Amino acid sequence: MFFVYILYSEKLDKYYVGYSNNYLERIERHNRGGIKFTTAGQPWSFVYKEGFETKELAARREIEIKKWKSRKMIIKLIGTLE
């Protein structure tokens, strides 16, 4: 199982979208500074995930969300959890 996940940095007031087959370990790496792109935004809070059967489907969904380039759309997506 693969997951698309969204993290939020209060410090930067930004969202980060990624995918992984182990999203919990990946989030830990983001918060340990193990991923250069997200180091400045620590700590990152987990705000959303979607599960997929294959890596390809997860990667496709990650790209779809990133192509939105819209904070409003991400907030709307996250709001579907409530």
N, C-alpha and C. Protein backbone atom coordinates (compact mmCIF):
# COMPACT_ATOMS: atom_id res chain seq x y z
N MET A 1 0.84 -1.18 0.00
CA MET A 1 0.00 0.00 0.00
C MET A 1 0.89 1.25 0.00
N PHE A 2 0.51 2.22 -0.81
CA PHE A 2 1.23 3.49 -0.88
C PHE A 2 0.27 4.61 -0.49
N PHE A 3 0.84 5.69 0.03
CA PHE A 3 0.03 6.78 0.52
C PHE A 3 0.52 8.12 -0.02
N VAL A 4 -0.43 8.96 -0.40
CA VAL A 4 -0.15 10.37 -0.64
C VAL A 4 -0.45 11.05 0.69
N TYR A 5 0.47 11.90 1.14
CA TYR A 5 0.28 12.57 2.42
C TYR A 5 0.50 14.07 2.26
N ILE A 6 -0.13 14.81 3.14
CA ILE A 6 0.06 16.26 3.16
C ILE A 6 0.48 16.66 4.57
N LEU A 7 1.54 17.46 4.63
CA LEU A 7 2.04 17.99 5.89
C LEU A 7 1.85 19.50 5.89
N TYR A 8 1.79 20.07 7.09
CA TYR A 8 1.65 21.51 7.22
C TYR A 8 2.72 22.04 8.16
N SER A 9 3.35 23.15 7.77
CA SER A 9 4.33 23.83 8.61
C SER A 9 3.72 25.15 9.08
N GLU A 10 3.47 25.25 10.37
CA GLU A 10 2.96 26.51 10.93
C GLU A 10 4.02 27.60 10.80
N LYS A 11 5.26 27.21 10.96
CA LYS A 11 6.38 28.16 10.89
C LYS A 11 6.42 28.87 9.53
N LEU A 12 6.22 28.10 8.44
CA LEU A 12 6.25 28.67 7.09
C LEU A 12 4.86 28.97 6.55
N ASP A 13 3.83 28.46 7.23
CA ASP A 13 2.45 28.55 6.76
C ASP A 13 2.34 27.97 5.34
N LYS A 14 2.91 26.76 5.20
CA LYS A 14 2.92 26.08 3.89
C LYS A 14 2.56 24.62 4.05
N TYR A 15 2.07 24.05 2.94
CA TYR A 15 1.75 22.63 2.86
C TYR A 15 2.82 21.93 2.03
N TYR A 16 3.04 20.67 2.35
CA TYR A 16 3.97 19.83 1.59
C TYR A 16 3.23 18.55 1.21
N VAL A 17 3.30 18.19 -0.06
CA VAL A 17 2.64 16.99 -0.57
C VAL A 17 3.71 15.98 -0.98
N GLY A 18 3.55 14.74 -0.54
CA GLY A 18 4.48 13.69 -0.90
C GLY A 18 3.77 12.35 -0.96
N TYR A 19 4.52 11.29 -1.30
CA TYR A 19 3.96 9.94 -1.25
C TYR A 19 5.02 8.97 -0.77
N SER A 20 4.56 7.88 -0.18
CA SER A 20 5.47 6.88 0.38
C SER A 20 4.70 5.61 0.70
N ASN A 21 5.42 4.50 0.80
CA ASN A 21 4.77 3.27 1.26
C ASN A 21 4.82 3.17 2.78
N ASN A 22 5.55 4.08 3.42
CA ASN A 22 5.61 4.14 4.88
C ASN A 22 5.55 5.61 5.29
N TYR A 23 4.36 6.18 5.25
CA TYR A 23 4.22 7.63 5.47
C TYR A 23 4.63 8.05 6.89
N LEU A 24 4.44 7.19 7.88
CA LEU A 24 4.82 7.57 9.24
C LEU A 24 6.33 7.75 9.37
N GLU A 25 7.10 6.83 8.79
CA GLU A 25 8.56 6.95 8.80
C GLU A 25 8.99 8.17 7.99
N ARG A 26 8.31 8.41 6.90
CA ARG A 26 8.65 9.54 6.04
C ARG A 26 8.43 10.87 6.77
N ILE A 27 7.33 10.97 7.50
CA ILE A 27 7.05 12.19 8.26
C ILE A 27 8.13 12.40 9.33
N GLU A 28 8.54 11.31 9.97
CA GLU A 28 9.64 11.41 10.95
C GLU A 28 10.89 11.96 10.30
N ARG A 29 11.20 11.49 9.09
CA ARG A 29 12.38 11.99 8.38
C ARG A 29 12.26 13.47 8.07
N HIS A 30 11.06 13.91 7.69
CA HIS A 30 10.86 15.35 7.44
C HIS A 30 11.15 16.14 8.71
N ASN A 31 10.74 15.64 9.84
CA ASN A 31 10.90 16.37 11.10
C ASN A 31 12.28 16.18 11.74
N ARG A 32 13.04 15.21 11.29
CA ARG A 32 14.43 15.02 11.78
C ARG A 32 15.41 15.84 10.96
N GLY A 33 14.96 16.39 9.84
CA GLY A 33 15.87 17.12 8.97
C GLY A 33 16.50 16.21 7.93
N GLY A 34 15.95 15.03 7.76
CA GLY A 34 16.50 14.08 6.79
C GLY A 34 16.12 14.37 5.35
N ILE A 35 15.29 15.39 5.14
CA ILE A 35 14.87 15.76 3.80
C ILE A 35 15.12 17.26 3.65
N LYS A 36 16.08 17.60 2.83
CA LYS A 36 16.57 18.97 2.72
C LYS A 36 15.46 19.99 2.45
N PHE A 37 14.54 19.66 1.57
CA PHE A 37 13.51 20.61 1.16
C PHE A 37 12.62 21.05 2.32
N THR A 38 12.39 20.17 3.29
CA THR A 38 11.45 20.49 4.37
C THR A 38 12.12 20.89 5.69
N THR A 39 13.44 20.91 5.73
CA THR A 39 14.15 21.22 6.97
C THR A 39 13.75 22.57 7.56
N ALA A 40 13.63 23.58 6.74
CA ALA A 40 13.33 24.93 7.22
C ALA A 40 11.93 25.04 7.85
N GLY A 41 11.04 24.13 7.52
CA GLY A 41 9.67 24.23 8.01
C GLY A 41 9.36 23.43 9.26
N GLN A 42 10.34 22.82 9.84
CA GLN A 42 10.10 21.96 11.01
C GLN A 42 9.54 22.75 12.17
N PRO A 43 8.63 22.20 12.93
CA PRO A 43 8.08 20.86 12.78
C PRO A 43 6.91 20.84 11.79
N TRP A 44 6.77 19.73 11.10
CA TRP A 44 5.67 19.52 10.17
C TRP A 44 4.59 18.71 10.86
N SER A 45 3.34 19.11 10.63
CA SER A 45 2.20 18.39 11.19
C SER A 45 1.53 17.59 10.09
N PHE A 46 1.17 16.38 10.41
CA PHE A 46 0.46 15.50 9.48
C PHE A 46 -0.99 15.97 9.41
N VAL A 47 -1.50 16.24 8.19
CA VAL A 47 -2.89 16.72 8.07
C VAL A 47 -3.77 15.89 7.14
N TYR A 48 -3.17 14.99 6.32
CA TYR A 48 -4.00 14.27 5.36
C TYR A 48 -3.25 13.08 4.77
N LYS A 49 -4.00 12.03 4.44
CA LYS A 49 -3.43 10.92 3.67
C LYS A 49 -4.51 10.25 2.86
N GLU A 50 -4.09 9.65 1.74
CA GLU A 50 -4.94 8.84 0.87
C GLU A 50 -4.17 7.57 0.55
N GLY A 51 -4.83 6.42 0.57
CA GLY A 51 -4.17 5.16 0.28
C GLY A 51 -4.40 4.70 -1.15
N PHE A 52 -3.38 4.04 -1.73
CA PHE A 52 -3.43 3.52 -3.10
C PHE A 52 -2.79 2.14 -3.15
N GLU A 53 -3.27 1.32 -4.05
CA GLU A 53 -2.76 -0.04 -4.21
C GLU A 53 -1.36 -0.10 -4.80
N THR A 54 -1.02 0.87 -5.66
CA THR A 54 0.29 0.82 -6.33
C THR A 54 1.04 2.14 -6.18
N LYS A 55 2.34 2.05 -6.35
CA LYS A 55 3.21 3.22 -6.32
C LYS A 55 2.83 4.19 -7.45
N GLU A 56 2.52 3.63 -8.60
CA GLU A 56 2.18 4.44 -9.76
C GLU A 56 0.94 5.29 -9.52
N LEU A 57 -0.09 4.70 -8.90
CA LEU A 57 -1.31 5.45 -8.61
C LEU A 57 -1.05 6.55 -7.59
N ALA A 58 -0.26 6.27 -6.59
CA ALA A 58 0.07 7.27 -5.57
C ALA A 58 0.87 8.42 -6.20
N ALA A 59 1.84 8.09 -7.03
CA ALA A 59 2.66 9.10 -7.69
C ALA A 59 1.80 9.98 -8.59
N ARG A 60 0.86 9.37 -9.29
CA ARG A 60 -0.05 10.11 -10.18
C ARG A 60 -0.91 11.09 -9.36
N ARG A 61 -1.40 10.63 -8.22
CA ARG A 61 -2.24 11.50 -7.38
C ARG A 61 -1.41 12.64 -6.78
N GLU A 62 -0.18 12.35 -6.37
CA GLU A 62 0.70 13.40 -5.85
C GLU A 62 0.89 14.48 -6.90
N ILE A 63 1.17 14.09 -8.12
CA ILE A 63 1.37 15.05 -9.22
C ILE A 63 0.09 15.85 -9.46
N GLU A 64 -1.05 15.17 -9.43
CA GLU A 64 -2.33 15.85 -9.63
C GLU A 64 -2.52 16.96 -8.59
N ILE A 65 -2.27 16.65 -7.32
CA ILE A 65 -2.44 17.64 -6.25
C ILE A 65 -1.44 18.78 -6.42
N LYS A 66 -0.19 18.46 -6.74
CA LYS A 66 0.83 19.49 -6.91
C LYS A 66 0.51 20.40 -8.10
N LYS A 67 -0.09 19.86 -9.14
CA LYS A 67 -0.44 20.67 -10.32
C LYS A 67 -1.54 21.68 -10.01
N TRP A 68 -2.32 21.44 -8.96
CA TRP A 68 -3.34 22.41 -8.60
C TRP A 68 -2.72 23.77 -8.31
N LYS A 69 -1.54 23.76 -7.69
CA LYS A 69 -0.87 25.00 -7.27
C LYS A 69 -1.85 25.94 -6.57
N SER A 70 -2.68 25.34 -5.76
CA SER A 70 -3.74 26.10 -5.12
C SER A 70 -3.88 25.71 -3.64
N ARG A 71 -3.57 26.64 -2.80
CA ARG A 71 -3.73 26.43 -1.36
C ARG A 71 -5.19 26.17 -1.01
N LYS A 72 -6.11 26.89 -1.69
CA LYS A 72 -7.54 26.72 -1.43
C LYS A 72 -7.99 25.29 -1.74
N MET A 73 -7.49 24.72 -2.82
CA MET A 73 -7.86 23.35 -3.18
C MET A 73 -7.34 22.35 -2.16
N ILE A 74 -6.12 22.56 -1.67
CA ILE A 74 -5.55 21.67 -0.67
C ILE A 74 -6.36 21.77 0.63
N ILE A 75 -6.70 22.98 1.03
CA ILE A 75 -7.51 23.17 2.23
C ILE A 75 -8.87 22.50 2.06
N LYS A 76 -9.46 22.61 0.88
CA LYS A 76 -10.73 21.97 0.60
C LYS A 76 -10.60 20.45 0.69
N LEU A 77 -9.51 19.90 0.13
CA LEU A 77 -9.26 18.46 0.20
C LEU A 77 -9.12 18.01 1.66
N ILE A 78 -8.32 18.72 2.41
CA ILE A 78 -8.12 18.38 3.82
C ILE A 78 -9.42 18.45 4.58
N GLY A 79 -10.27 19.39 4.23
CA GLY A 79 -11.56 19.57 4.89
C GLY A 79 -12.50 18.40 4.71
N THR A 80 -12.24 17.53 3.72
CA THR A 80 -13.09 16.37 3.50
C THR A 80 -12.95 15.35 4.61
N LEU A 81 -11.93 15.50 5.46
CA LEU A 81 -11.74 14.58 6.57
C LEU A 81 -12.70 14.85 7.71
N GLU A 82 -13.17 16.04 7.82
CA GLU A 82 -14.01 16.43 8.95
C GLU A 82 -15.43 15.92 8.80
